[in-house]
Amino acid sequence: MITRTALLALSACALALTSCATPTTDPRQLPSGDWSLDEAHASVTWQVQHMGLSWYTGRFDTLDATLTFDPQRPGESEVTAIIDAMSISTGDPDFDAELADGWFHADRHPQIVFQSTALTVTGANTGELSGELSLNGVTAPVTLDVTFNGGLTNLLEGRPAVGFSATGTLDRDTFNIGNLPHSLVGPTVRILIEAEFLREGD
């Protein structure tokens, strides 16, 4: 039989879990500081048009990122992201090796690096994140459309967490990615990012 005390304790835990499981989209309620990527809850997916018939989809499996975030001054946020070029993944290991070696030249350029330069706030929870992308030996500007999904206390980690979604495009010709004609592989590459960050030092 569950005692009244145990029932009250269970109810309190349930309320705490409920409150912590509801993200706040008000950045002013979140602590400032440095945040590290929760790699288990992050992904970078890419899509490229195949013969005009579909958007062929792949991803990178190994990535890391850091975030400096001040909720009172979100425009001053800074992001650095590093992707292992060898971790490209399409579900076909032979094709992955061909892309890594022949398209991304990962032996000479093992890291894909994005370094933010500015964040322009465009709405209550949206912004445009500008930065420099270094890929395949080329560095060029890229802008991402970012949505702040919210923040809460991650009970599994015991510290604050925030989550973002971001989308953008790049021209593969700018970065010398592949030499197939555009009729076979389109020039535009869609980028889709999902990322959760955990506050450091908590």
C-alpha atoms as a PDB file:
ATOM      1  CA  MET A   1       0.000   0.000   0.000  1.00  0.00           C
ATOM      2  CA  ILE A   2       1.287   3.437  -0.919  1.00  0.00           C
ATOM      3  CA  THR A   3       1.406   5.732   2.083  1.00  0.00           C
ATOM      4  CA  ARG A   4       0.168   9.318   1.968  1.00  0.00           C
ATOM      5  CA  THR A   5       3.769  10.555   2.298  1.00  0.00           C
ATOM      6  CA  ALA A   6       4.955   8.430  -0.621  1.00  0.00           C
ATOM      7  CA  LEU A   7       2.009   9.582  -2.713  1.00  0.00           C
ATOM      8  CA  LEU A   8       2.828  13.219  -2.004  1.00  0.00           C
ATOM      9  CA  ALA A   9       6.474  12.591  -2.902  1.00  0.00           C
ATOM     10  CA  LEU A  10       5.482  10.928  -6.173  1.00  0.00           C
ATOM     11  CA  SER A  11       3.155  13.817  -6.966  1.00  0.00           C
ATOM     12  CA  ALA A  12       5.919  16.341  -6.297  1.00  0.00           C
ATOM     13  CA  CYS A  13       8.292  14.440  -8.566  1.00  0.00           C
ATOM     14  CA  ALA A  14       5.673  14.275 -11.290  1.00  0.00           C
ATOM     15  CA  LEU A  15       5.099  18.027 -11.073  1.00  0.00           C
ATOM     16  CA  ALA A  16       8.832  18.689 -11.188  1.00  0.00           C
ATOM     17  CA  LEU A  17       9.249  16.457 -14.208  1.00  0.00           C
ATOM     18  CA  THR A  18       6.351  18.149 -15.949  1.00  0.00           C
ATOM     19  CA  SER A  19       7.711  21.622 -15.339  1.00  0.00           C
ATOM     20  CA  CYS A  20      11.224  20.655 -16.431  1.00  0.00           C
ATOM     21  CA  ALA A  21       9.934  18.848 -19.518  1.00  0.00           C
ATOM     22  CA  THR A  22       8.296  21.993 -20.873  1.00  0.00           C
ATOM     23  CA  PRO A  23      10.902  24.147 -22.619  1.00  0.00           C
ATOM     24  CA  THR A  24      10.771  27.893 -22.241  1.00  0.00           C
ATOM     25  CA  THR A  25      11.164  29.888 -25.435  1.00  0.00           C
ATOM     26  CA  ASP A  26      12.037  33.034 -23.482  1.00  0.00           C
ATOM     27  CA  PRO A  27      15.845  33.190 -23.605  1.00  0.00           C
ATOM     28  CA  ARG A  28      15.874  35.641 -20.700  1.00  0.00           C
ATOM     29  CA  GLN A  29      14.952  32.755 -18.400  1.00  0.00           C
ATOM     30  CA  LEU A  30      18.114  30.859 -19.323  1.00  0.00           C
ATOM     31  CA  PRO A  31      21.605  31.239 -17.880  1.00  0.00           C
ATOM     32  CA  SER A  32      24.391  32.789 -19.902  1.00  0.00           C
ATOM     33  CA  GLY A  33      27.753  31.186 -20.466  1.00  0.00           C
ATOM     34  CA  ASP A  34      29.431  28.542 -22.547  1.00  0.00           C
ATOM     35  CA  TRP A  35      27.563  25.538 -23.869  1.00  0.00           C
ATOM     36  CA  SER A  36      28.816  22.311 -25.426  1.00  0.00           C
ATOM     37  CA  LEU A  37      27.081  20.173 -28.002  1.00  0.00           C
ATOM     38  CA  ASP A  38      25.053  17.218 -26.780  1.00  0.00           C
ATOM     39  CA  GLU A  39      26.334  14.926 -29.525  1.00  0.00           C
ATOM     40  CA  ALA A  40      23.690  12.294 -28.817  1.00  0.00           C
ATOM     41  CA  HIS A  41      21.007  14.825 -29.743  1.00  0.00           C
ATOM     42  CA  ALA A  42      22.500  16.570 -32.739  1.00  0.00           C
ATOM     43  CA  SER A  43      22.531  15.946 -36.463  1.00  0.00           C
ATOM     44  CA  VAL A  44      23.709  17.524 -39.697  1.00  0.00           C
ATOM     45  CA  THR A  45      21.775  16.348 -42.729  1.00  0.00           C
ATOM     46  CA  TRP A  46      22.360  17.380 -46.340  1.00  0.00           C
ATOM     47  CA  GLN A  47      20.266  17.064 -49.476  1.00  0.00           C
ATOM     48  CA  VAL A  48      21.220  17.451 -53.125  1.00  0.00           C
ATOM     49  CA  GLN A  49      18.983  17.195 -56.159  1.00  0.00           C
ATOM     50  CA  HIS A  50      19.439  13.976 -58.139  1.00  0.00           C
ATOM     51  CA  MET A  51      18.645  14.252 -61.863  1.00  0.00           C
ATOM     52  CA  GLY A  52      15.840  16.666 -60.986  1.00  0.00           C
ATOM     53  CA  LEU A  53      13.845  13.734 -59.615  1.00  0.00           C
ATOM     54  CA  SER A  54      14.416  13.852 -55.862  1.00  0.00           C
ATOM     55  CA  TRP A  55      16.489  15.370 -53.088  1.00  0.00           C
ATOM     56  CA  TYR A  56      19.046  12.707 -52.254  1.00  0.00           C
ATOM     57  CA  THR A  57      19.756  12.740 -48.522  1.00  0.00           C
ATOM     58  CA  GLY A  58      22.832  11.994 -46.442  1.00  0.00           C
ATOM     59  CA  ARG A  59      24.371  13.101 -43.176  1.00  0.00           C
ATOM     60  CA  PHE A  60      27.565  13.429 -41.170  1.00  0.00           C
ATOM     61  CA  ASP A  61      27.866  11.166 -38.150  1.00  0.00           C
ATOM     62  CA  THR A  62      30.677  12.861 -36.207  1.00  0.00           C
ATOM     63  CA  LEU A  63      30.412  16.499 -35.173  1.00  0.00           C
ATOM     64  CA  ASP A  64      31.156  18.838 -32.304  1.00  0.00           C
ATOM     65  CA  ALA A  65      30.217  22.421 -31.523  1.00  0.00           C
ATOM     66  CA  THR A  66      30.431  25.096 -28.861  1.00  0.00           C
ATOM     67  CA  LEU A  67      28.067  27.961 -28.126  1.00  0.00           C
ATOM     68  CA  THR A  68      28.620  31.179 -26.206  1.00  0.00           C
ATOM     69  CA  PHE A  69      25.195  32.496 -25.292  1.00  0.00           C
ATOM     70  CA  ASP A  70      23.978  35.533 -23.376  1.00  0.00           C
ATOM     71  CA  PRO A  71      20.155  35.608 -23.240  1.00  0.00           C
ATOM     72  CA  GLN A  72      20.224  39.349 -22.559  1.00  0.00           C
ATOM     73  CA  ARG A  73      22.287  39.956 -25.703  1.00  0.00           C
ATOM     74  CA  PRO A  74      21.435  37.115 -28.100  1.00  0.00           C
ATOM     75  CA  GLY A  75      22.918  39.015 -31.027  1.00  0.00           C
ATOM     76  CA  GLU A  76      26.365  38.535 -29.491  1.00  0.00           C
ATOM     77  CA  SER A  77      26.114  34.741 -29.489  1.00  0.00           C
ATOM     78  CA  GLU A  78      28.995  32.811 -31.029  1.00  0.00           C
ATOM     79  CA  VAL A  79      29.019  29.325 -32.516  1.00  0.00           C
ATOM     80  CA  THR A  80      31.882  27.132 -33.661  1.00  0.00           C
ATOM     81  CA  ALA A  81      31.096  23.777 -35.279  1.00  0.00           C
ATOM     82  CA  ILE A  82      33.495  21.088 -36.490  1.00  0.00           C
ATOM     83  CA  ILE A  83      32.465  18.123 -38.630  1.00  0.00           C
ATOM     84  CA  ASP A  84      34.581  15.078 -39.436  1.00  0.00           C
ATOM     85  CA  ALA A  85      34.531  14.944 -43.244  1.00  0.00           C
ATOM     86  CA  MET A  86      35.233  11.210 -43.159  1.00  0.00           C
ATOM     87  CA  SER A  87      32.000  10.633 -41.256  1.00  0.00           C
ATOM     88  CA  ILE A  88      29.805  11.276 -44.300  1.00  0.00           C
ATOM     89  CA  SER A  89      27.018   8.716 -44.323  1.00  0.00           C
ATOM     90  CA  THR A  90      24.520   7.738 -47.018  1.00  0.00           C
ATOM     91  CA  GLY A  91      23.795   4.162 -45.989  1.00  0.00           C
ATOM     92  CA  ASP A  92      26.207   2.863 -48.649  1.00  0.00           C
ATOM     93  CA  PRO A  93      29.741   2.426 -47.224  1.00  0.00           C
ATOM     94  CA  ASP A  94      31.369   2.181 -50.660  1.00  0.00           C
ATOM     95  CA  PHE A  95      29.702   5.380 -51.825  1.00  0.00           C
ATOM     96  CA  ASP A  96      30.587   7.070 -48.522  1.00  0.00           C
ATOM     97  CA  ALA A  97      34.262   6.309 -49.149  1.00  0.00           C
ATOM     98  CA  GLU A  98      33.984   7.652 -52.698  1.00  0.00           C
ATOM     99  CA  LEU A  99      32.407  10.896 -51.487  1.00  0.00           C
ATOM    100  CA  ALA A 100      34.918  11.347 -48.660  1.00  0.00           C
ATOM    101  CA  ASP A 101      37.944  10.749 -50.884  1.00  0.00           C
ATOM    102  CA  GLY A 102      36.889  11.995 -54.299  1.00  0.00           C
ATOM    103  CA  TRP A 103      34.412  14.777 -53.493  1.00  0.00           C
ATOM    104  CA  PHE A 104      35.477  16.144 -50.109  1.00  0.00           C
ATOM    105  CA  HIS A 105      39.160  15.150 -50.269  1.00  0.00           C
ATOM    106  CA  ALA A 106      38.968  14.328 -46.585  1.00  0.00           C
ATOM    107  CA  ASP A 107      42.536  13.043 -46.561  1.00  0.00           C
ATOM    108  CA  ARG A 108      43.739  16.616 -47.147  1.00  0.00           C
ATOM    109  CA  HIS A 109      40.835  18.455 -45.533  1.00  0.00           C
ATOM    110  CA  PRO A 110      39.640  16.238 -42.678  1.00  0.00           C
ATOM    111  CA  GLN A 111      37.548  18.884 -40.942  1.00  0.00           C
ATOM    112  CA  ILE A 112      34.591  20.963 -42.058  1.00  0.00           C
ATOM    113  CA  VAL A 113      34.531  24.080 -39.855  1.00  0.00           C
ATOM    114  CA  PHE A 114      31.853  26.725 -39.383  1.00  0.00           C
ATOM    115  CA  GLN A 115      32.754  29.847 -37.415  1.00  0.00           C
ATOM    116  CA  SER A 116      29.966  32.339 -36.806  1.00  0.00           C
ATOM    117  CA  THR A 117      30.573  36.033 -37.428  1.00  0.00           C
ATOM    118  CA  ALA A 118      27.171  37.594 -36.627  1.00  0.00           C
ATOM    119  CA  LEU A 119      23.687  36.747 -35.430  1.00  0.00           C
ATOM    120  CA  THR A 120      20.797  38.924 -36.553  1.00  0.00           C
ATOM    121  CA  VAL A 121      17.638  38.477 -34.483  1.00  0.00           C
ATOM    122  CA  THR A 122      14.626  38.326 -36.840  1.00  0.00           C
ATOM    123  CA  GLY A 123      11.824  37.341 -34.460  1.00  0.00           C
ATOM    124  CA  ALA A 124      10.929  36.228 -30.957  1.00  0.00           C
ATOM    125  CA  ASN A 125      12.748  32.927 -31.457  1.00  0.00           C
ATOM    126  CA  THR A 126      14.362  33.218 -34.900  1.00  0.00           C
ATOM    127  CA  GLY A 127      17.542  34.645 -36.314  1.00  0.00           C
ATOM    128  CA  GLU A 128      20.023  34.619 -39.172  1.00  0.00           C
ATOM    129  CA  LEU A 129      23.419  33.222 -38.242  1.00  0.00           C
ATOM    130  CA  SER A 130      26.192  34.338 -40.573  1.00  0.00           C
ATOM    131  CA  GLY A 131      29.610  32.767 -40.633  1.00  0.00           C
ATOM    132  CA  GLU A 132      32.567  31.412 -42.540  1.00  0.00           C
ATOM    133  CA  LEU A 133      32.448  27.795 -43.709  1.00  0.00           C
ATOM    134  CA  SER A 134      35.715  26.016 -44.452  1.00  0.00           C
ATOM    135  CA  LEU A 135      35.104  22.978 -46.625  1.00  0.00           C
ATOM    136  CA  ASN A 136      37.309  21.078 -49.059  1.00  0.00           C
ATOM    137  CA  GLY A 137      40.048  23.682 -48.777  1.00  0.00           C
ATOM    138  CA  VAL A 138      37.737  26.616 -49.517  1.00  0.00           C
ATOM    139  CA  THR A 139      36.424  29.195 -47.044  1.00  0.00           C
ATOM    140  CA  ALA A 140      33.297  31.140 -47.992  1.00  0.00           C
ATOM    141  CA  PRO A 141      30.415  32.901 -46.215  1.00  0.00           C
ATOM    142  CA  VAL A 142      27.272  30.950 -45.349  1.00  0.00           C
ATOM    143  CA  THR A 143      24.077  32.113 -43.643  1.00  0.00           C
ATOM    144  CA  LEU A 144      21.790  29.837 -41.652  1.00  0.00           C
ATOM    145  CA  ASP A 145      18.180  30.471 -40.660  1.00  0.00           C
ATOM    146  CA  VAL A 146      18.006  29.542 -36.983  1.00  0.00           C
ATOM    147  CA  THR A 147      15.034  28.744 -34.772  1.00  0.00           C
ATOM    148  CA  PHE A 148      15.441  28.699 -30.990  1.00  0.00           C
ATOM    149  CA  ASN A 149      13.315  25.754 -29.856  1.00  0.00           C
ATOM    150  CA  GLY A 150      13.659  26.488 -26.166  1.00  0.00           C
ATOM    151  CA  GLY A 151      15.545  25.589 -23.030  1.00  0.00           C
ATOM    152  CA  LEU A 152      14.995  23.608 -19.860  1.00  0.00           C
ATOM    153  CA  THR A 153      16.797  21.610 -17.225  1.00  0.00           C
ATOM    154  CA  ASN A 154      17.871  18.300 -18.718  1.00  0.00           C
ATOM    155  CA  LEU A 155      17.164  15.963 -15.812  1.00  0.00           C
ATOM    156  CA  LEU A 156      19.237  13.164 -17.308  1.00  0.00           C
ATOM    157  CA  GLU A 157      22.279  15.434 -17.421  1.00  0.00           C
ATOM    158  CA  GLY A 158      21.415  17.533 -14.373  1.00  0.00           C
ATOM    159  CA  ARG A 159      22.104  20.834 -16.095  1.00  0.00           C
ATOM    160  CA  PRO A 160      20.481  23.405 -18.376  1.00  0.00           C
ATOM    161  CA  ALA A 161      19.987  22.534 -22.031  1.00  0.00           C
ATOM    162  CA  VAL A 162      18.949  24.525 -25.093  1.00  0.00           C
ATOM    163  CA  GLY A 163      17.881  23.398 -28.538  1.00  0.00           C
ATOM    164  CA  PHE A 164      18.049  24.909 -32.000  1.00  0.00           C
ATOM    165  CA  SER A 165      17.057  24.039 -35.547  1.00  0.00           C
ATOM    166  CA  ALA A 166      18.842  25.590 -38.509  1.00  0.00           C
ATOM    167  CA  THR A 167      18.556  25.424 -42.272  1.00  0.00           C
ATOM    168  CA  GLY A 168      20.603  26.855 -45.091  1.00  0.00           C
ATOM    169  CA  THR A 169      21.949  26.256 -48.565  1.00  0.00           C
ATOM    170  CA  LEU A 170      25.327  26.314 -50.223  1.00  0.00           C
ATOM    171  CA  ASP A 171      26.585  26.016 -53.781  1.00  0.00           C
ATOM    172  CA  ARG A 172      28.690  22.902 -54.188  1.00  0.00           C
ATOM    173  CA  ASP A 173      30.570  24.560 -57.060  1.00  0.00           C
ATOM    174  CA  THR A 174      31.813  27.237 -54.645  1.00  0.00           C
ATOM    175  CA  PHE A 175      33.481  24.524 -52.569  1.00  0.00           C
ATOM    176  CA  ASN A 176      34.577  22.377 -55.549  1.00  0.00           C
ATOM    177  CA  ILE A 177      32.484  19.428 -54.386  1.00  0.00           C
ATOM    178  CA  GLY A 178      32.289  16.917 -57.235  1.00  0.00           C
ATOM    179  CA  ASN A 179      32.448  17.556 -60.947  1.00  0.00           C
ATOM    180  CA  LEU A 180      29.295  15.903 -62.223  1.00  0.00           C
ATOM    181  CA  PRO A 181      27.084  18.097 -64.439  1.00  0.00           C
ATOM    182  CA  HIS A 182      24.153  19.876 -62.819  1.00  0.00           C
ATOM    183  CA  SER A 183      21.739  17.734 -64.824  1.00  0.00           C
ATOM    184  CA  LEU A 184      22.883  14.766 -62.737  1.00  0.00           C
ATOM    185  CA  VAL A 185      23.660  16.391 -59.384  1.00  0.00           C
ATOM    186  CA  GLY A 186      22.225  19.828 -58.740  1.00  0.00           C
ATOM    187  CA  PRO A 187      24.478  22.675 -57.578  1.00  0.00           C
ATOM    188  CA  THR A 188      22.401  23.578 -54.516  1.00  0.00           C
ATOM    189  CA  VAL A 189      22.989  21.677 -51.293  1.00  0.00           C
ATOM    190  CA  ARG A 190      20.391  21.951 -48.570  1.00  0.00           C
ATOM    191  CA  ILE A 191      21.663  21.855 -44.979  1.00  0.00           C
ATOM    192  CA  LEU A 192      19.419  20.817 -42.072  1.00  0.00           C
ATOM    193  CA  ILE A 193      20.741  21.001 -38.521  1.00  0.00           C
ATOM    194  CA  GLU A 194      19.279  19.914 -35.198  1.00  0.00           C
ATOM    195  CA  ALA A 195      21.355  20.682 -32.124  1.00  0.00           C
ATOM    196  CA  GLU A 196      21.014  20.538 -28.359  1.00  0.00           C
ATOM    197  CA  PHE A 197      23.620  22.193 -26.135  1.00  0.00           C
ATOM    198  CA  LEU A 198      24.396  21.585 -22.464  1.00  0.00           C
ATOM    199  CA  ARG A 199      25.673  24.378 -20.260  1.00  0.00           C
ATOM    200  CA  GLU A 200      29.264  23.876 -19.162  1.00  0.00           C
ATOM    201  CA  GLY A 201      30.222  24.135 -15.521  1.00  0.00           C
ATOM    202  CA  ASP A 202      26.846  23.005 -14.116  1.00  0.00           C
END
